[in-house]
Protein backbone atom coordinates (compact mmCIF):
# COMPACT_ATOMS: atom_id res chain seq x y z
CA MET A 1 0.00 0.00 0.00
CA ILE A 2 1.34 3.43 -1.02
CA VAL A 3 1.64 5.93 1.81
CA GLU A 4 -0.03 9.22 0.89
CA HIS A 5 2.09 12.20 1.88
CA ARG A 6 -0.13 15.17 2.69
CA ILE A 7 0.61 18.52 1.06
CA LEU A 8 -0.71 22.03 1.68
CA ILE A 9 -0.31 24.46 -1.25
CA ALA A 10 -0.08 28.22 -0.62
CA ASP A 11 -0.04 30.58 -3.62
CA ASP A 12 -2.02 33.73 -4.33
CA HIS A 13 -2.62 32.83 -8.00
CA THR A 14 -5.63 30.57 -8.58
CA ILE A 15 -4.25 29.11 -11.80
CA MET A 16 -1.01 28.19 -10.06
CA ARG A 17 -2.82 26.56 -7.13
CA ASP A 18 -5.07 24.59 -9.46
CA GLY A 19 -2.14 23.54 -11.66
CA LEU A 20 -0.07 22.38 -8.70
CA GLN A 21 -3.03 20.51 -7.27
CA SER A 22 -3.51 18.62 -10.55
CA LEU A 23 0.22 17.94 -10.82
CA ILE A 24 0.45 16.57 -7.27
CA ALA A 25 -2.69 14.46 -7.74
CA SER A 26 -1.12 12.78 -10.79
CA GLU A 27 1.83 11.47 -8.77
CA PRO A 28 1.33 8.31 -6.64
CA GLY A 29 2.14 8.79 -2.98
CA PHE A 30 1.06 12.42 -2.68
CA GLU A 31 -2.23 14.15 -1.96
CA VAL A 32 -3.21 17.79 -1.58
CA VAL A 33 -5.14 18.28 1.66
CA GLY A 34 -5.66 22.03 1.39
CA THR A 35 -4.86 25.25 -0.45
CA ALA A 36 -4.31 28.83 0.72
CA ALA A 37 -4.25 32.14 -1.16
CA ASP A 38 -2.23 34.09 1.44
CA GLY A 39 0.29 33.61 4.21
CA LYS A 40 -2.14 34.04 7.08
CA THR A 41 -4.42 31.29 5.75
CA ALA A 42 -1.39 29.04 5.18
CA ILE A 43 -0.39 29.45 8.83
CA ARG A 44 -3.92 28.61 10.01
CA LEU A 45 -4.30 25.58 7.73
CA ALA A 46 -0.87 24.25 8.66
CA SER A 47 -2.04 24.15 12.29
CA GLU A 48 -5.43 22.67 11.44
CA LEU A 49 -4.41 20.09 8.83
CA LYS A 50 -0.91 19.12 10.04
CA PRO A 51 0.37 18.35 6.51
CA ASP A 52 3.68 16.61 5.88
CA ILE A 53 4.74 19.38 3.50
CA VAL A 54 3.76 23.00 2.95
CA MET A 55 4.53 24.14 -0.59
CA ILE A 56 4.52 27.93 -0.46
CA ASP A 57 5.04 30.98 -2.68
CA LEU A 58 7.07 33.87 -1.27
CA SER A 59 5.16 36.92 -2.58
CA MET A 60 1.59 36.84 -1.29
CA PRO A 61 -0.83 39.49 0.03
CA GLY A 62 -0.87 40.25 3.74
CA THR A 63 1.57 37.96 5.52
CA SER A 64 4.44 37.11 3.17
CA GLY A 65 5.52 33.58 2.40
CA ILE A 66 8.82 34.11 4.21
CA ASP A 67 7.10 35.25 7.40
CA ALA A 68 4.62 32.37 7.08
CA ILE A 69 7.51 29.90 6.76
CA ALA A 70 9.12 31.23 9.94
CA HIS A 71 5.82 31.04 11.84
CA ILE A 72 4.99 27.51 10.67
CA LYS A 73 8.48 26.22 11.44
CA ARG A 74 8.42 27.78 14.89
CA LYS A 75 5.06 26.22 15.75
CA HIS A 76 5.42 22.95 13.81
CA PRO A 77 9.11 22.12 13.29
CA LYS A 78 8.34 18.68 11.86
CA ILE A 79 6.39 20.11 8.91
CA ARG A 80 8.65 20.27 5.87
CA ILE A 81 8.60 23.51 3.87
CA VAL A 82 9.17 23.77 0.12
CA ALA A 83 9.45 27.35 -1.15
CA LEU A 84 8.21 27.55 -4.75
CA THR A 85 8.93 30.88 -6.40
CA PHE A 86 10.14 32.81 -9.45
CA HIS A 87 12.64 34.77 -7.34
CA LYS A 88 16.33 34.02 -7.92
CA GLU A 89 17.75 37.01 -6.04
CA ASP A 90 20.17 36.37 -3.18
CA ARG A 91 18.05 38.25 -0.64
CA TYR A 92 15.09 35.93 -1.24
CA ILE A 93 17.17 32.77 -1.09
CA HIS A 94 19.01 33.86 2.06
CA SER A 95 15.89 35.06 3.91
CA THR A 96 13.84 32.00 2.93
CA LEU A 97 16.46 29.54 4.13
CA GLU A 98 17.00 31.57 7.30
CA ALA A 99 13.24 31.40 7.94
CA GLY A 100 13.46 27.61 7.94
CA ALA A 101 12.57 26.41 4.44
CA ASP A 102 13.79 22.89 3.68
CA ALA A 103 13.80 23.35 -0.09
CA TYR A 104 13.96 26.23 -2.55
CA VAL A 105 12.45 25.43 -5.96
CA LEU A 106 11.91 27.75 -8.91
CA LYS A 107 8.61 27.83 -10.75
CA ASP A 108 10.43 27.34 -14.04
CA ASP A 109 12.10 24.14 -12.79
CA SER A 110 10.95 20.84 -14.25
CA ARG A 111 8.29 18.53 -12.84
CA SER A 112 10.98 15.97 -11.98
CA GLU A 113 12.94 18.56 -9.99
CA LEU A 114 9.83 19.49 -8.00
CA PHE A 115 9.15 15.88 -7.03
CA THR A 116 12.85 15.33 -6.27
CA ALA A 117 12.57 18.26 -3.85
CA LEU A 118 9.42 16.82 -2.25
CA ARG A 119 10.99 13.39 -1.75
CA SER A 120 14.22 14.93 -0.46
CA VAL A 121 12.53 16.89 2.31
CA LEU A 122 10.42 13.88 3.28
CA ASN A 123 13.70 12.00 3.75
CA GLY A 124 15.00 14.72 6.03
CA LYS A 125 17.28 16.31 3.42
CA SER A 126 17.43 19.82 2.03
CA TYR A 127 17.04 20.68 -1.64
CA LEU A 128 18.07 23.68 -3.74
CA SER A 129 17.09 24.25 -7.34
CA PRO A 130 20.09 23.49 -9.58
CA SER A 131 19.61 27.00 -11.02
CA ILE A 132 20.60 28.67 -7.75
CA CYS A 133 23.14 26.25 -6.28
CA ASP A 134 26.17 28.08 -7.64
CA ARG A 135 25.08 31.47 -6.31
CA VAL A 136 24.22 30.02 -2.88
CA VAL A 137 27.68 28.47 -2.61
CA ALA A 138 29.29 31.71 -3.78
CA GLY A 139 27.25 33.65 -1.22
CA TYR A 140 28.38 31.49 1.67
CA LEU A 141 32.01 31.61 0.53
CA ALA A 142 31.71 35.39 0.63
CA GLY A 143 30.06 35.28 4.04
CA GLY A 144 31.89 38.28 5.45
CA GLU A 145 30.87 40.52 2.59
CA ARG A 146 27.26 39.24 2.78
CA ALA A 147 27.01 40.43 6.36
CA LYS A 148 28.13 43.91 5.34
CA GLN A 149 25.66 44.08 2.45
CA GLU A 150 22.41 42.91 4.06
CA PRO A 151 19.31 44.54 2.52
CA ALA A 152 17.97 47.55 4.37
CA TRP A 153 14.71 45.81 5.25
CA GLU A 154 16.60 43.34 7.45
CA VAL A 155 16.87 46.11 10.06
CA LEU A 156 13.10 45.79 10.50
CA THR A 157 11.45 43.40 12.93
CA LYS A 158 9.10 40.74 11.59
CA ARG A 159 6.10 42.81 12.69
CA GLU A 160 7.50 45.96 11.09
CA ARG A 161 7.94 44.10 7.80
CA GLU A 162 4.33 42.95 8.00
CA VAL A 163 3.14 46.51 8.61
CA THR A 164 5.35 47.82 5.79
CA LYS A 165 3.89 45.24 3.42
CA LEU A 166 0.30 46.05 4.36
CA ILE A 167 0.87 49.81 4.09
CA ALA A 168 2.30 49.27 0.61
CA GLU A 169 -0.72 47.16 -0.32
CA GLY A 170 -3.00 50.09 0.53
CA TYR A 171 -4.39 49.01 3.90
CA LYS A 172 -5.35 51.72 6.40
CA THR A 173 -4.24 51.70 10.03
CA ARG A 174 -7.52 50.28 11.35
CA GLU A 175 -7.52 47.55 8.68
CA ILE A 176 -3.92 46.62 9.47
CA ALA A 177 -4.77 46.50 13.19
CA GLU A 178 -7.68 44.15 12.50
CA TYR A 179 -5.66 41.93 10.17
CA LEU A 180 -2.74 41.57 12.61
CA SER A 181 -4.94 41.50 15.74
CA LEU A 182 -3.26 44.62 17.12
CA SER A 183 -4.53 47.95 18.41
CA PRO A 184 -4.44 50.92 16.00
CA LYS A 185 -2.06 52.63 18.44
CA THR A 186 0.38 49.73 18.20
CA VAL A 187 0.20 49.79 14.41
CA GLU A 188 0.96 53.52 14.43
CA LYS A 189 3.97 52.86 16.66
CA HIS A 190 5.27 50.23 14.21
CA ARG A 191 4.67 52.63 11.33
CA THR A 192 6.65 55.39 13.07
CA ASN A 193 9.51 53.02 13.93
CA LEU A 194 9.84 51.50 10.48
CA MET A 195 9.76 54.88 8.73
CA ARG A 196 12.43 56.19 11.13
CA LYS A 197 14.66 53.15 10.60
CA LEU A 198 14.37 53.38 6.82
CA ASP A 199 14.44 57.18 6.67
CA LEU A 200 11.18 57.26 4.71
CA HIS A 201 8.70 60.11 5.01
CA SER A 202 5.54 59.15 3.12
CA VAL A 203 3.28 56.21 2.29
CA SER A 204 4.39 56.39 -1.36
CA ALA A 205 8.03 56.11 -0.26
CA VAL A 206 7.14 53.07 1.87
CA THR A 207 5.38 51.54 -1.15
CA VAL A 208 8.39 52.07 -3.43
CA PHE A 209 10.70 50.60 -0.78
CA ALA A 210 8.45 47.54 -0.36
CA ILE A 211 8.38 46.89 -4.10
CA GLN A 212 12.14 47.33 -4.49
CA ASN A 213 12.81 44.88 -1.64
CA GLY A 214 10.37 42.23 -2.74
CA LEU A 215 7.86 42.67 0.08
CA VAL A 216 5.13 43.27 -2.47
CA THR A 217 4.87 42.92 -6.24
CA GLN A 218 3.77 45.59 -8.68
């Protein structure tokens, strides 16, 4: 009897979710137990469904995939995380692996590479897309320089990054407070702190910063 490994898919594009669901369903030994269109839903479903693997995009509305990875890994360390993304930039790779992802796969990788990644993490191994292996190795060899060149947004706390992202997505203070289960006063404090740290002086400047640093997409 084939053991069915349970997978949760998180991606904000319906076509991508549906395509991944069909792809997973076609492979013996895997089943999709749930889908999520944003990071917050992925966190909730990971707790409710206890999947073996969460396959997650990095750029999603509200809570980002990277923050969702960190939350899921902190609460459920045995769940394996496969980041599935178009992003090849060092800052995404570094932050995603630091958050606790077990595999980093590109959306233009082949079907066989995706399933190799899934089987690798189930066996307790890590997996990196062949397309990014060289740059990851080069990055770690240049570790000292990497530390000096960390992106500006790394000076922000996790909560400040969430607030930055939501501001850039057009949410108002009260809406952000409701989404993050905070008081409006606390949200305003985070807003003041993040703008001071980044030396930004308007919502439009925050939006530009968020886009440039991959917190939101255009």
